[in-house]
């Protein structure tokens, strides 16, 4: 099960990287075509959609590595059982929020598909396609949060906390809040 979950998180990160690379390629194509007095239709729209995809697909892997923004001023001062209880409560709250976000973004994507909504730009892109990245990425983050909740309930240190401790031990405080 661990390998399957880690493969899912890596796939999300891979899709985020692919989206980011595609943004770069679209922007470079736009620059080259401008020099030739041509225009790449819907380049701005496509870049915006890919920016959202990059963000949502990267959420789970970023969370697991402890690189997602967290404010740990309260929890960071706790140790042992009280910390585990508080981590569990925070993870339950985060799971509830992400379940809501996943459901809402899925319903929005489904509605766009049902009414055949298309972009209003120069290219009529069916909007359910770019919107699909939101429920997929949010759902993947929900799975990662539940994965960490199970670890905390079993008495293990969450992976995001272990990653933060490893960075701190190495003197790297670049992503800590």
N, C-alpha and C. Protein backbone atom coordinates (compact mmCIF):
# COMPACT_ATOMS: atom_id res chain seq x y z
N UNK A 1 0.83 -1.20 0.00
CA UNK A 1 0.00 0.00 0.00
C UNK A 1 0.88 1.26 0.00
N UNK A 2 1.98 1.20 0.77
CA UNK A 2 2.87 2.35 0.85
C UNK A 2 3.42 2.71 -0.52
N UNK A 3 3.83 1.70 -1.28
CA UNK A 3 4.41 1.97 -2.61
C UNK A 3 3.36 2.55 -3.54
N UNK A 4 2.13 2.08 -3.45
CA UNK A 4 1.06 2.61 -4.29
C UNK A 4 0.80 4.08 -3.97
N UNK A 5 0.71 4.41 -2.68
CA UNK A 5 0.47 5.81 -2.29
C UNK A 5 1.63 6.70 -2.72
N UNK A 6 2.85 6.24 -2.48
CA UNK A 6 4.01 7.04 -2.89
C UNK A 6 4.04 7.23 -4.41
N UNK A 7 3.62 6.19 -5.15
CA UNK A 7 3.57 6.31 -6.61
C UNK A 7 2.50 7.33 -7.02
N UNK A 8 1.38 7.36 -6.31
CA UNK A 8 0.34 8.36 -6.59
C UNK A 8 0.85 9.77 -6.36
N UNK A 9 1.54 9.97 -5.23
CA UNK A 9 2.07 11.30 -4.93
C UNK A 9 3.12 11.70 -5.96
N UNK A 10 3.95 10.75 -6.37
CA UNK A 10 4.97 11.03 -7.39
C UNK A 10 4.31 11.33 -8.74
N UNK A 11 3.23 10.63 -9.06
CA UNK A 11 2.52 10.90 -10.31
C UNK A 11 1.94 12.31 -10.30
N UNK A 12 1.38 12.72 -9.16
CA UNK A 12 0.87 14.09 -9.05
C UNK A 12 1.99 15.10 -9.25
N UNK A 13 3.14 14.85 -8.63
CA UNK A 13 4.28 15.76 -8.79
C UNK A 13 4.76 15.76 -10.24
N UNK A 14 4.73 14.59 -10.87
CA UNK A 14 5.13 14.50 -12.28
C UNK A 14 4.19 15.28 -13.19
N UNK A 15 2.89 15.19 -12.91
CA UNK A 15 1.93 15.96 -13.69
C UNK A 15 2.11 17.47 -13.47
N UNK A 16 2.45 17.84 -12.24
CA UNK A 16 2.73 19.26 -11.96
C UNK A 16 3.95 19.72 -12.75
N UNK A 17 4.99 18.90 -12.77
CA UNK A 17 6.20 19.25 -13.52
C UNK A 17 5.90 19.33 -15.02
N UNK A 18 5.11 18.40 -15.52
CA UNK A 18 4.74 18.42 -16.93
C UNK A 18 3.92 19.67 -17.27
N UNK A 19 3.02 20.06 -16.37
CA UNK A 19 2.24 21.28 -16.57
C UNK A 19 3.14 22.50 -16.60
N UNK A 20 4.10 22.53 -15.70
CA UNK A 20 5.03 23.66 -15.65
C UNK A 20 5.89 23.72 -16.91
N UNK A 21 6.35 22.57 -17.36
CA UNK A 21 7.13 22.52 -18.60
C UNK A 21 6.28 22.99 -19.79
N UNK A 22 5.02 22.60 -19.81
CA UNK A 22 4.13 23.01 -20.90
C UNK A 22 3.90 24.52 -20.88
N UNK A 23 3.79 25.10 -19.68
CA UNK A 23 3.68 26.57 -19.59
C UNK A 23 4.90 27.21 -20.26
N UNK A 24 6.07 26.70 -19.93
CA UNK A 24 7.31 27.22 -20.52
C UNK A 24 7.28 27.11 -22.04
N UNK A 25 6.88 25.94 -22.54
CA UNK A 25 6.85 25.72 -23.99
C UNK A 25 5.83 26.64 -24.67
N UNK A 26 4.67 26.83 -24.07
CA UNK A 26 3.66 27.72 -24.64
C UNK A 26 4.20 29.16 -24.67
N UNK A 27 4.83 29.57 -23.58
CA UNK A 27 5.35 30.94 -23.53
C UNK A 27 6.49 31.14 -24.53
N UNK A 28 7.36 30.16 -24.67
CA UNK A 28 8.45 30.28 -25.64
C UNK A 28 7.91 30.28 -27.07
N UNK A 29 6.90 29.44 -27.33
CA UNK A 29 6.28 29.44 -28.66
C UNK A 29 5.64 30.80 -28.94
N UNK A 30 5.04 31.38 -27.92
CA UNK A 30 4.41 32.69 -28.08
C UNK A 30 5.47 33.76 -28.40
N UNK A 31 6.60 33.71 -27.75
CA UNK A 31 7.68 34.67 -28.00
C UNK A 31 8.20 34.53 -29.43
N UNK A 32 8.46 33.29 -29.84
CA UNK A 32 8.98 33.04 -31.18
C UNK A 32 7.96 33.48 -32.23
N UNK A 33 6.70 33.14 -32.02
CA UNK A 33 5.67 33.48 -33.00
C UNK A 33 5.46 34.99 -33.08
N UNK A 34 5.61 35.69 -31.97
CA UNK A 34 5.49 37.16 -32.00
C UNK A 34 6.55 37.78 -32.88
N UNK A 35 7.76 37.23 -32.82
CA UNK A 35 8.84 37.73 -33.66
C UNK A 35 8.53 37.52 -35.14
N UNK A 36 7.72 36.52 -35.44
CA UNK A 36 7.34 36.23 -36.82
C UNK A 36 6.01 36.90 -37.18
N UNK A 37 5.55 37.78 -36.29
CA UNK A 37 4.29 38.51 -36.46
C UNK A 37 3.07 37.57 -36.51
N UNK A 38 3.17 36.49 -35.75
CA UNK A 38 2.08 35.53 -35.62
C UNK A 38 1.60 35.51 -34.18
N UNK A 39 0.47 34.89 -33.97
CA UNK A 39 -0.07 34.81 -32.61
C UNK A 39 -0.44 33.37 -32.31
N UNK A 40 -0.12 32.93 -31.11
CA UNK A 40 -0.52 31.60 -30.65
C UNK A 40 -1.89 31.74 -29.99
N UNK A 41 -2.93 31.24 -30.64
CA UNK A 41 -4.29 31.41 -30.09
C UNK A 41 -4.43 30.77 -28.70
N UNK A 42 -5.07 31.49 -27.80
CA UNK A 42 -5.39 31.02 -26.45
C UNK A 42 -4.18 30.73 -25.58
N UNK A 43 -3.03 31.28 -25.93
CA UNK A 43 -1.82 31.01 -25.14
C UNK A 43 -1.99 31.46 -23.69
N UNK A 44 -2.58 32.62 -23.49
CA UNK A 44 -2.78 33.11 -22.12
C UNK A 44 -3.75 32.21 -21.34
N UNK A 45 -4.82 31.80 -22.00
CA UNK A 45 -5.79 30.91 -21.35
C UNK A 45 -5.14 29.58 -20.98
N UNK A 46 -4.42 29.01 -21.94
CA UNK A 46 -3.78 27.71 -21.70
C UNK A 46 -2.76 27.81 -20.57
N UNK A 47 -1.98 28.88 -20.56
CA UNK A 47 -1.00 29.08 -19.49
C UNK A 47 -1.69 29.20 -18.13
N UNK A 48 -2.81 29.90 -18.08
CA UNK A 48 -3.54 30.04 -16.82
C UNK A 48 -4.08 28.69 -16.35
N UNK A 49 -4.65 27.91 -17.27
CA UNK A 49 -5.16 26.59 -16.90
C UNK A 49 -4.04 25.69 -16.39
N UNK A 50 -2.90 25.75 -17.06
CA UNK A 50 -1.76 24.93 -16.65
C UNK A 50 -1.18 25.39 -15.32
N UNK A 51 -1.28 26.67 -15.03
CA UNK A 51 -0.82 27.18 -13.74
C UNK A 51 -1.66 26.58 -12.60
N UNK A 52 -2.96 26.52 -12.81
CA UNK A 52 -3.84 25.90 -11.82
C UNK A 52 -3.51 24.42 -11.69
N UNK A 53 -3.31 23.74 -12.82
CA UNK A 53 -2.98 22.31 -12.79
C UNK A 53 -1.67 22.08 -12.04
N UNK A 54 -0.67 22.91 -12.30
CA UNK A 54 0.61 22.79 -11.61
C UNK A 54 0.41 22.88 -10.10
N UNK A 55 -0.36 23.85 -9.67
CA UNK A 55 -0.61 24.05 -8.24
C UNK A 55 -1.31 22.85 -7.63
N UNK A 56 -2.41 22.43 -8.22
CA UNK A 56 -3.20 21.36 -7.61
C UNK A 56 -2.50 20.01 -7.66
N UNK A 57 -1.83 19.69 -8.77
CA UNK A 57 -1.15 18.40 -8.85
C UNK A 57 0.03 18.30 -7.90
N UNK A 58 0.65 19.41 -7.55
CA UNK A 58 1.81 19.40 -6.67
C UNK A 58 1.45 19.35 -5.18
N UNK A 59 0.19 19.57 -4.83
CA UNK A 59 -0.20 19.69 -3.42
C UNK A 59 0.18 18.49 -2.56
N UNK A 60 -0.14 17.29 -2.99
CA UNK A 60 0.08 16.10 -2.16
C UNK A 60 1.57 15.85 -1.91
N UNK A 61 2.36 15.89 -2.96
CA UNK A 61 3.80 15.65 -2.80
C UNK A 61 4.44 16.74 -1.94
N UNK A 62 4.01 17.96 -2.15
CA UNK A 62 4.54 19.08 -1.36
C UNK A 62 4.17 18.93 0.11
N UNK A 63 2.94 18.52 0.37
CA UNK A 63 2.48 18.29 1.74
C UNK A 63 3.31 17.20 2.40
N UNK A 64 3.51 16.09 1.72
CA UNK A 64 4.25 14.96 2.30
C UNK A 64 5.71 15.33 2.60
N UNK A 65 6.28 16.21 1.80
CA UNK A 65 7.68 16.61 2.03
C UNK A 65 7.79 17.73 3.06
N UNK A 66 6.66 18.16 3.59
CA UNK A 66 6.69 19.22 4.59
C UNK A 66 7.00 20.58 4.01
N UNK A 67 6.74 20.77 2.73
CA UNK A 67 7.06 22.02 2.07
C UNK A 67 5.82 22.88 1.81
N UNK A 68 4.66 22.37 2.17
CA UNK A 68 3.44 23.16 2.07
C UNK A 68 3.43 24.11 3.26
N UNK A 69 2.94 25.29 3.06
CA UNK A 69 2.96 26.29 4.13
C UNK A 69 2.13 25.80 5.31
N UNK A 70 2.77 25.73 6.47
CA UNK A 70 2.09 25.35 7.71
C UNK A 70 2.53 26.34 8.78
N UNK A 71 1.62 26.66 9.63
CA UNK A 71 1.97 27.49 10.78
C UNK A 71 1.99 26.55 11.98
N UNK A 72 3.17 26.27 12.47
CA UNK A 72 3.32 25.26 13.53
C UNK A 72 3.74 25.88 14.86
N UNK A 73 3.38 27.12 15.06
CA UNK A 73 3.79 27.79 16.30
C UNK A 73 3.21 27.09 17.53
N UNK A 74 1.96 26.67 17.45
CA UNK A 74 1.33 26.00 18.59
C UNK A 74 1.75 24.56 18.73
N UNK A 75 1.61 23.80 17.65
CA UNK A 75 1.94 22.38 17.68
C UNK A 75 3.43 22.17 17.89
N UNK A 76 4.25 23.04 17.36
CA UNK A 76 5.70 22.90 17.47
C UNK A 76 6.20 22.90 18.90
N UNK A 77 5.44 23.46 19.80
CA UNK A 77 5.86 23.52 21.21
C UNK A 77 5.43 22.30 22.01
N UNK A 78 4.55 21.50 21.43
CA UNK A 78 4.06 20.31 22.13
C UNK A 78 4.95 19.12 21.86
N UNK A 79 4.96 18.17 22.78
CA UNK A 79 5.75 16.94 22.64
C UNK A 79 4.89 15.75 23.03
N UNK A 80 5.27 14.58 22.49
CA UNK A 80 4.65 13.33 22.89
C UNK A 80 3.17 13.24 22.59
N UNK A 81 2.41 12.73 23.57
CA UNK A 81 0.98 12.49 23.41
C UNK A 81 0.18 13.73 23.06
N UNK A 82 0.38 14.85 23.77
CA UNK A 82 -0.37 16.05 23.41
C UNK A 82 -0.13 16.50 21.96
N UNK A 83 1.10 16.35 21.50
CA UNK A 83 1.38 16.74 20.11
C UNK A 83 0.66 15.81 19.14
N UNK A 84 0.69 14.50 19.43
CA UNK A 84 0.02 13.54 18.57
C UNK A 84 -1.48 13.82 18.49
N UNK A 85 -2.08 14.15 19.64
CA UNK A 85 -3.50 14.47 19.67
C UNK A 85 -3.78 15.72 18.83
N UNK A 86 -2.96 16.75 19.01
CA UNK A 86 -3.16 17.98 18.26
C UNK A 86 -2.92 17.77 16.77
N UNK A 87 -1.88 17.00 16.42
CA UNK A 87 -1.63 16.68 15.00
C UNK A 87 -2.85 15.97 14.42
N UNK A 88 -3.40 15.02 15.18
CA UNK A 88 -4.58 14.29 14.72
C UNK A 88 -5.76 15.21 14.49
N UNK A 89 -5.99 16.13 15.43
CA UNK A 89 -7.11 17.07 15.29
C UNK A 89 -6.93 17.97 14.08
N UNK A 90 -5.73 18.46 13.90
CA UNK A 90 -5.45 19.34 12.76
C UNK A 90 -5.62 18.57 11.45
N UNK A 91 -5.17 17.32 11.42
CA UNK A 91 -5.31 16.52 10.22
C UNK A 91 -6.78 16.19 9.93
N UNK A 92 -7.57 15.95 10.98
CA UNK A 92 -9.01 15.72 10.78
C UNK A 92 -9.66 16.97 10.21
N UNK A 93 -9.31 18.12 10.73
CA UNK A 93 -9.84 19.39 10.22
C UNK A 93 -9.42 19.60 8.76
N UNK A 94 -8.14 19.36 8.48
CA UNK A 94 -7.63 19.52 7.11
C UNK A 94 -8.33 18.55 6.15
N UNK A 95 -8.56 17.32 6.62
CA UNK A 95 -9.24 16.33 5.78
C UNK A 95 -10.67 16.78 5.48
N UNK A 96 -11.36 17.32 6.47
CA UNK A 96 -12.71 17.82 6.26
C UNK A 96 -12.75 18.95 5.25
N UNK A 97 -11.81 19.86 5.37
CA UNK A 97 -11.74 20.99 4.43
C UNK A 97 -11.43 20.49 3.02
N UNK A 98 -10.47 19.59 2.89
CA UNK A 98 -10.10 19.09 1.57
C UNK A 98 -11.20 18.20 0.97
N UNK A 99 -11.95 17.50 1.80
CA UNK A 99 -13.08 16.73 1.29
C UNK A 99 -14.12 17.68 0.68
N UNK A 100 -14.35 18.78 1.35
CA UNK A 100 -15.28 19.79 0.83
C UNK A 100 -14.76 20.39 -0.47
N UNK A 101 -13.48 20.76 -0.50
CA UNK A 101 -12.89 21.35 -1.71
C UNK A 101 -12.93 20.34 -2.86
N UNK A 102 -12.61 19.09 -2.57
CA UNK A 102 -12.63 18.06 -3.61
C UNK A 102 -14.03 17.90 -4.18
N UNK A 103 -15.01 17.80 -3.30
CA UNK A 103 -16.38 17.64 -3.76
C UNK A 103 -16.84 18.86 -4.57
N UNK A 104 -16.58 20.06 -4.06
CA UNK A 104 -17.03 21.27 -4.73
C UNK A 104 -16.38 21.41 -6.11
N UNK A 105 -15.06 21.17 -6.19
CA UNK A 105 -14.39 21.31 -7.48
C UNK A 105 -14.83 20.21 -8.45
N UNK A 106 -15.13 19.01 -7.93
CA UNK A 106 -15.66 17.95 -8.79
C UNK A 106 -17.03 18.33 -9.34
N UNK A 107 -17.90 18.85 -8.47
CA UNK A 107 -19.23 19.25 -8.92
C UNK A 107 -19.15 20.38 -9.95
N UNK A 108 -18.23 21.31 -9.76
CA UNK A 108 -18.04 22.41 -10.71
C UNK A 108 -17.57 21.87 -12.05
N UNK A 109 -16.60 20.95 -12.02
CA UNK A 109 -16.10 20.34 -13.25
C UNK A 109 -17.21 19.56 -13.94
N UNK A 110 -17.97 18.79 -13.19
CA UNK A 110 -19.06 18.00 -13.75
C UNK A 110 -20.14 18.89 -14.37
N UNK A 111 -20.46 19.99 -13.70
CA UNK A 111 -21.44 20.93 -14.24
C UNK A 111 -20.95 21.52 -15.56
N UNK A 112 -19.68 21.86 -15.63
CA UNK A 112 -19.12 22.39 -16.88
C UNK A 112 -19.22 21.36 -18.00
N UNK A 113 -19.02 20.11 -17.67
CA UNK A 113 -19.13 19.05 -18.66
C UNK A 113 -20.59 18.88 -19.10
N UNK A 114 -21.51 18.90 -18.14
CA UNK A 114 -22.93 18.69 -18.45
C UNK A 114 -23.50 19.79 -19.34
N UNK A 115 -23.12 21.03 -19.08
CA UNK A 115 -23.67 22.13 -19.88
C UNK A 115 -22.80 22.46 -21.09
N UNK A 116 -21.74 21.67 -21.28
CA UNK A 116 -20.82 21.85 -22.40
C UNK A 116 -20.24 23.26 -22.42
N UNK A 117 -19.81 23.73 -21.25
CA UNK A 117 -19.23 25.07 -21.11
C UNK A 117 -17.87 25.12 -21.81
N UNK A 118 -17.67 26.20 -22.55
CA UNK A 118 -16.40 26.38 -23.25
C UNK A 118 -15.82 27.75 -22.90
N UNK A 119 -14.51 27.86 -23.07
CA UNK A 119 -13.82 29.13 -22.81
C UNK A 119 -14.30 30.19 -23.80
N UNK A 120 -14.32 31.42 -23.35
CA UNK A 120 -14.80 32.52 -24.18
C UNK A 120 -13.70 33.15 -25.02
N UNK A 121 -12.50 32.61 -24.94
CA UNK A 121 -11.37 33.19 -25.68
C UNK A 121 -11.41 32.83 -27.16
N UNK A 122 -10.27 32.94 -27.80
CA UNK A 122 -10.19 32.70 -29.24
C UNK A 122 -10.34 31.23 -29.60
N UNK A 123 -10.07 30.34 -28.65
CA UNK A 123 -10.25 28.90 -28.86
C UNK A 123 -11.28 28.42 -27.86
N UNK A 124 -12.30 27.76 -28.34
CA UNK A 124 -13.40 27.28 -27.48
C UNK A 124 -12.99 25.97 -26.79
N UNK A 125 -12.18 26.11 -25.74
CA UNK A 125 -11.71 24.94 -24.99
C UNK A 125 -12.82 24.50 -24.04
N UNK A 126 -13.20 23.21 -24.08
CA UNK A 126 -14.19 22.73 -23.11
C UNK A 126 -13.62 22.89 -21.69
N UNK A 127 -14.29 23.65 -20.85
CA UNK A 127 -13.73 24.02 -19.55
C UNK A 127 -13.64 22.87 -18.55
N UNK A 128 -14.38 21.79 -18.78
CA UNK A 128 -14.27 20.67 -17.85
C UNK A 128 -12.86 20.07 -17.89
N UNK A 129 -12.18 20.21 -19.02
CA UNK A 129 -10.84 19.63 -19.16
C UNK A 129 -9.84 20.32 -18.22
N UNK A 130 -9.68 21.65 -18.27
CA UNK A 130 -8.75 22.27 -17.32
C UNK A 130 -9.26 22.20 -15.87
N UNK A 131 -10.58 22.17 -15.69
CA UNK A 131 -11.12 22.10 -14.33
C UNK A 131 -10.89 20.73 -13.69
N UNK A 132 -10.63 19.71 -14.49
CA UNK A 132 -10.41 18.37 -13.98
C UNK A 132 -9.21 18.29 -13.04
N UNK A 133 -8.21 19.13 -13.27
CA UNK A 133 -7.02 19.09 -12.41
C UNK A 133 -7.32 19.47 -10.96
N UNK A 134 -8.36 20.27 -10.75
CA UNK A 134 -8.66 20.71 -9.38
C UNK A 134 -9.18 19.58 -8.50
N UNK A 135 -10.24 18.85 -8.90
CA UNK A 135 -10.66 17.76 -8.02
C UNK A 135 -9.64 16.62 -7.94
N UNK A 136 -8.89 16.39 -9.01
CA UNK A 136 -7.86 15.34 -8.96
C UNK A 136 -6.76 15.71 -7.97
N UNK A 137 -6.26 16.94 -8.07
CA UNK A 137 -5.21 17.38 -7.16
C UNK A 137 -5.69 17.50 -5.73
N UNK A 138 -6.90 18.05 -5.54
CA UNK A 138 -7.46 18.18 -4.18
C UNK A 138 -7.73 16.80 -3.59
N UNK A 139 -8.22 15.88 -4.41
CA UNK A 139 -8.46 14.52 -3.95
C UNK A 139 -7.18 13.82 -3.56
N UNK A 140 -6.13 14.05 -4.32
CA UNK A 140 -4.84 13.47 -3.99
C UNK A 140 -4.29 14.04 -2.68
N UNK A 141 -4.49 15.35 -2.47
CA UNK A 141 -4.09 15.94 -1.19
C UNK A 141 -4.92 15.35 -0.05
N UNK A 142 -6.20 15.13 -0.27
CA UNK A 142 -7.05 14.50 0.75
C UNK A 142 -6.52 13.12 1.10
N UNK A 143 -6.14 12.34 0.12
CA UNK A 143 -5.56 11.01 0.37
C UNK A 143 -4.28 11.15 1.19
N UNK A 144 -3.43 12.11 0.85
CA UNK A 144 -2.17 12.32 1.58
C UNK A 144 -2.45 12.73 3.03
N UNK A 145 -3.45 13.56 3.25
CA UNK A 145 -3.80 13.97 4.61
C UNK A 145 -4.30 12.77 5.41
N UNK A 146 -5.16 11.97 4.80
CA UNK A 146 -5.67 10.77 5.48
C UNK A 146 -4.54 9.77 5.74
N UNK A 147 -3.61 9.67 4.82
CA UNK A 147 -2.43 8.83 4.99
C UNK A 147 -1.64 9.27 6.23
N UNK A 148 -1.44 10.57 6.37
CA UNK A 148 -0.72 11.10 7.54
C UNK A 148 -1.53 10.90 8.82
N UNK A 149 -2.85 11.05 8.72
CA UNK A 149 -3.70 10.84 9.90
C UNK A 149 -3.58 9.41 10.40
N UNK A 150 -3.57 8.45 9.49
CA UNK A 150 -3.39 7.04 9.89
C UNK A 150 -2.04 6.86 10.56
N UNK A 151 -1.01 7.48 10.01
CA UNK A 151 0.32 7.38 10.62
C UNK A 151 0.32 7.95 12.04
N UNK A 152 -0.31 9.10 12.21
CA UNK A 152 -0.37 9.73 13.54
C UNK A 152 -1.15 8.85 14.51
N UNK A 153 -2.27 8.29 14.05
CA UNK A 153 -3.07 7.41 14.92
C UNK A 153 -2.30 6.15 15.31
N UNK A 154 -1.38 5.72 14.47
CA UNK A 154 -0.54 4.56 14.78
C UNK A 154 0.65 4.92 15.65
N UNK A 155 0.81 6.19 15.95
CA UNK A 155 1.90 6.64 16.81
C UNK A 155 3.16 7.03 16.08
N UNK A 156 3.12 7.05 14.75
CA UNK A 156 4.31 7.42 13.96
C UNK A 156 4.39 8.93 13.81
N UNK A 157 5.57 9.39 13.48
CA UNK A 157 5.77 10.81 13.19
C UNK A 157 5.30 11.05 11.76
N UNK A 158 4.48 12.08 11.54
CA UNK A 158 4.04 12.37 10.16
C UNK A 158 5.23 12.67 9.26
N UNK A 159 5.13 12.30 8.00
CA UNK A 159 6.25 12.49 7.08
C UNK A 159 6.63 13.95 6.93
N UNK A 160 5.63 14.85 6.97
CA UNK A 160 5.95 16.27 6.83
C UNK A 160 6.75 16.78 8.02
N UNK A 161 6.46 16.26 9.21
CA UNK A 161 7.21 16.66 10.41
C UNK A 161 8.62 16.07 10.38
N UNK A 162 8.73 14.82 9.95
CA UNK A 162 10.05 14.19 9.84
C UNK A 162 10.92 14.91 8.82
N UNK A 163 10.32 15.30 7.70
CA UNK A 163 11.08 16.03 6.67
C UNK A 163 11.54 17.38 7.20
N UNK A 164 10.68 18.07 7.95
CA UNK A 164 11.05 19.36 8.53
C UNK A 164 12.18 19.19 9.54
N UNK A 165 12.11 18.13 10.34
CA UNK A 165 13.18 17.86 11.32
C UNK A 165 14.50 17.56 10.63
N UNK A 166 14.45 16.81 9.52
CA UNK A 166 15.68 16.51 8.77
C UNK A 166 16.28 17.78 8.18
N UNK A 167 15.44 18.65 7.65
CA UNK A 167 15.96 19.91 7.10
C UNK A 167 16.56 20.77 8.21
N UNK A 168 15.88 20.83 9.37
CA UNK A 168 16.40 21.63 10.49
C UNK A 168 17.74 21.07 10.97
N UNK A 169 17.86 19.75 11.04
CA UNK A 169 19.12 19.13 11.47
C UNK A 169 20.25 19.45 10.50
N UNK A 170 19.90 19.63 9.23
CA UNK A 170 20.90 19.97 8.22
C UNK A 170 21.15 21.47 8.13
N UNK A 171 20.42 22.25 8.96
CA UNK A 171 20.58 23.69 8.95
C UNK A 171 19.82 24.41 7.84
N UNK A 172 18.88 23.72 7.23
CA UNK A 172 18.07 24.30 6.15
C UNK A 172 16.72 24.73 6.71
N UNK A 173 16.53 26.03 6.84
CA UNK A 173 15.28 26.57 7.34
C UNK A 173 14.52 27.34 6.26
N UNK A 174 14.80 27.00 5.00
CA UNK A 174 14.26 27.76 3.88
C UNK A 174 12.76 27.65 3.72
N UNK A 175 12.13 26.56 4.16
CA UNK A 175 10.69 26.40 3.95
C UNK A 175 9.91 26.41 5.25
N UNK A 176 10.56 26.68 6.36
CA UNK A 176 9.85 26.66 7.65
C UNK A 176 9.15 27.98 7.89
N UNK A 177 7.97 27.89 8.53
CA UNK A 177 7.22 29.10 8.85
C UNK A 177 7.39 29.47 10.30
